[in-house]
C-alpha atoms as a PDB file:
ATOM      1  CA  UNK A   1     -44.359  19.190 -33.059  1.00  0.00           C
ATOM      2  CA  UNK A   2     -42.120  20.123 -36.103  1.00  0.00           C
ATOM      3  CA  UNK A   3     -43.821  21.328 -39.274  1.00  0.00           C
ATOM      4  CA  UNK A   4     -41.105  20.997 -41.863  1.00  0.00           C
ATOM      5  CA  UNK A   5     -39.267  17.773 -42.941  1.00  0.00           C
ATOM      6  CA  UNK A   6     -35.478  17.837 -41.501  1.00  0.00           C
ATOM      7  CA  UNK A   7     -33.357  16.132 -44.266  1.00  0.00           C
ATOM      8  CA  UNK A   8     -30.371  16.182 -42.147  1.00  0.00           C
ATOM      9  CA  UNK A   9     -32.064  14.377 -38.889  1.00  0.00           C
ATOM     10  CA  UNK A  10     -33.886  12.001 -41.086  1.00  0.00           C
ATOM     11  CA  UNK A  11     -30.225  11.033 -42.609  1.00  0.00           C
ATOM     12  CA  UNK A  12     -28.779  10.708 -39.511  1.00  0.00           C
ATOM     13  CA  UNK A  13     -31.297   8.513 -38.085  1.00  0.00           C
ATOM     14  CA  UNK A  14     -31.359   6.491 -41.307  1.00  0.00           C
ATOM     15  CA  UNK A  15     -27.618   5.961 -40.922  1.00  0.00           C
ATOM     16  CA  UNK A  16     -27.676   5.119 -37.071  1.00  0.00           C
ATOM     17  CA  UNK A  17     -30.417   2.456 -37.789  1.00  0.00           C
ATOM     18  CA  UNK A  18     -28.400   0.802 -40.667  1.00  0.00           C
ATOM     19  CA  UNK A  19     -25.426   0.799 -38.919  1.00  0.00           C
ATOM     20  CA  UNK A  20     -27.074  -0.739 -35.835  1.00  0.00           C
ATOM     21  CA  UNK A  21     -28.288  -3.503 -38.045  1.00  0.00           C
ATOM     22  CA  UNK A  22     -24.842  -3.859 -39.347  1.00  0.00           C
ATOM     23  CA  UNK A  23     -25.670  -3.465 -42.963  1.00  0.00           C
ATOM     24  CA  UNK A  24     -24.161  -1.741 -45.678  1.00  0.00           C
ATOM     25  CA  UNK A  25     -25.728   0.557 -48.067  1.00  0.00           C
ATOM     26  CA  UNK A  26     -25.832  -1.752 -50.622  1.00  0.00           C
ATOM     27  CA  UNK A  27     -27.779  -4.261 -48.430  1.00  0.00           C
ATOM     28  CA  UNK A  28     -30.135  -1.635 -47.093  1.00  0.00           C
ATOM     29  CA  UNK A  29     -31.177  -0.541 -50.723  1.00  0.00           C
ATOM     30  CA  UNK A  30     -32.225  -4.166 -51.418  1.00  0.00           C
ATOM     31  CA  UNK A  31     -34.110  -4.091 -48.370  1.00  0.00           C
ATOM     32  CA  UNK A  32     -36.043  -1.349 -48.763  1.00  0.00           C
ATOM     33  CA  UNK A  33     -36.056  -1.490 -52.550  1.00  0.00           C
ATOM     34  CA  UNK A  34     -34.326   1.824 -53.558  1.00  0.00           C
ATOM     35  CA  UNK A  35     -30.840   2.131 -55.199  1.00  0.00           C
ATOM     36  CA  UNK A  36     -27.687   2.528 -53.154  1.00  0.00           C
ATOM     37  CA  UNK A  37     -27.108   6.171 -54.402  1.00  0.00           C
ATOM     38  CA  UNK A  38     -30.569   6.755 -52.768  1.00  0.00           C
ATOM     39  CA  UNK A  39     -29.600   5.623 -49.328  1.00  0.00           C
ATOM     40  CA  UNK A  40     -26.230   7.639 -49.762  1.00  0.00           C
ATOM     41  CA  UNK A  41     -28.425  10.720 -50.770  1.00  0.00           C
ATOM     42  CA  UNK A  42     -30.881  10.205 -47.827  1.00  0.00           C
ATOM     43  CA  UNK A  43     -28.203   9.620 -45.186  1.00  0.00           C
ATOM     44  CA  UNK A  44     -26.275  12.750 -46.293  1.00  0.00           C
ATOM     45  CA  UNK A  45     -29.478  14.664 -45.803  1.00  0.00           C
ATOM     46  CA  UNK A  46     -29.412  15.827 -49.593  1.00  0.00           C
ATOM     47  CA  UNK A  47     -32.499  14.046 -50.818  1.00  0.00           C
ATOM     48  CA  UNK A  48     -35.944  13.603 -49.164  1.00  0.00           C
ATOM     49  CA  UNK A  49     -37.732  10.363 -49.455  1.00  0.00           C
ATOM     50  CA  UNK A  50     -41.265   9.619 -50.333  1.00  0.00           C
ATOM     51  CA  UNK A  51     -43.852   8.621 -47.578  1.00  0.00           C
ATOM     52  CA  UNK A  52     -43.708   5.081 -48.944  1.00  0.00           C
ATOM     53  CA  UNK A  53     -39.933   5.063 -48.651  1.00  0.00           C
ATOM     54  CA  UNK A  54     -40.033   6.026 -45.108  1.00  0.00           C
ATOM     55  CA  UNK A  55     -42.289   3.144 -44.546  1.00  0.00           C
ATOM     56  CA  UNK A  56     -40.110   0.680 -46.208  1.00  0.00           C
ATOM     57  CA  UNK A  57     -37.199   2.026 -44.273  1.00  0.00           C
ATOM     58  CA  UNK A  58     -39.247   1.802 -41.093  1.00  0.00           C
ATOM     59  CA  UNK A  59     -40.203  -2.129 -41.737  1.00  0.00           C
ATOM     60  CA  UNK A  60     -36.663  -2.815 -42.837  1.00  0.00           C
ATOM     61  CA  UNK A  61     -34.758  -1.346 -39.892  1.00  0.00           C
ATOM     62  CA  UNK A  62     -37.325  -2.299 -37.378  1.00  0.00           C
ATOM     63  CA  UNK A  63     -37.758   1.254 -36.266  1.00  0.00           C
ATOM     64  CA  UNK A  64     -40.690   3.542 -36.200  1.00  0.00           C
ATOM     65  CA  UNK A  65     -41.608   6.130 -39.203  1.00  0.00           C
ATOM     66  CA  UNK A  66     -41.849   8.721 -36.266  1.00  0.00           C
ATOM     67  CA  UNK A  67     -38.315   7.992 -34.803  1.00  0.00           C
ATOM     68  CA  UNK A  68     -37.010   8.474 -38.453  1.00  0.00           C
ATOM     69  CA  UNK A  69     -38.757  11.713 -39.062  1.00  0.00           C
ATOM     70  CA  UNK A  70     -37.633  12.957 -35.670  1.00  0.00           C
ATOM     71  CA  UNK A  71     -41.271  13.361 -34.358  1.00  0.00           C
ATOM     72  CA  UNK A  72     -40.451  10.555 -31.541  1.00  0.00           C
ATOM     73  CA  UNK A  73     -37.425   9.851 -29.570  1.00  0.00           C
ATOM     74  CA  UNK A  74     -38.580   5.972 -29.202  1.00  0.00           C
ATOM     75  CA  UNK A  75     -37.289   3.695 -31.889  1.00  0.00           C
END
């Protein structure tokens, strides 16, 4: 198990999940309760989200938090 948060992996998976639902960054921001700028930063791997934000993304995108974090390969 990885012991350090991987911003780049999280960003890639966040982007993949958003696109698979056909959502724009603006739509995704509304669903997750964050700004479009936050979505952009998270997807670029330049910002680390809070745990509560990861949970919001997992719920909004219908994927597991473990998958978003790279802990699991199962969505």
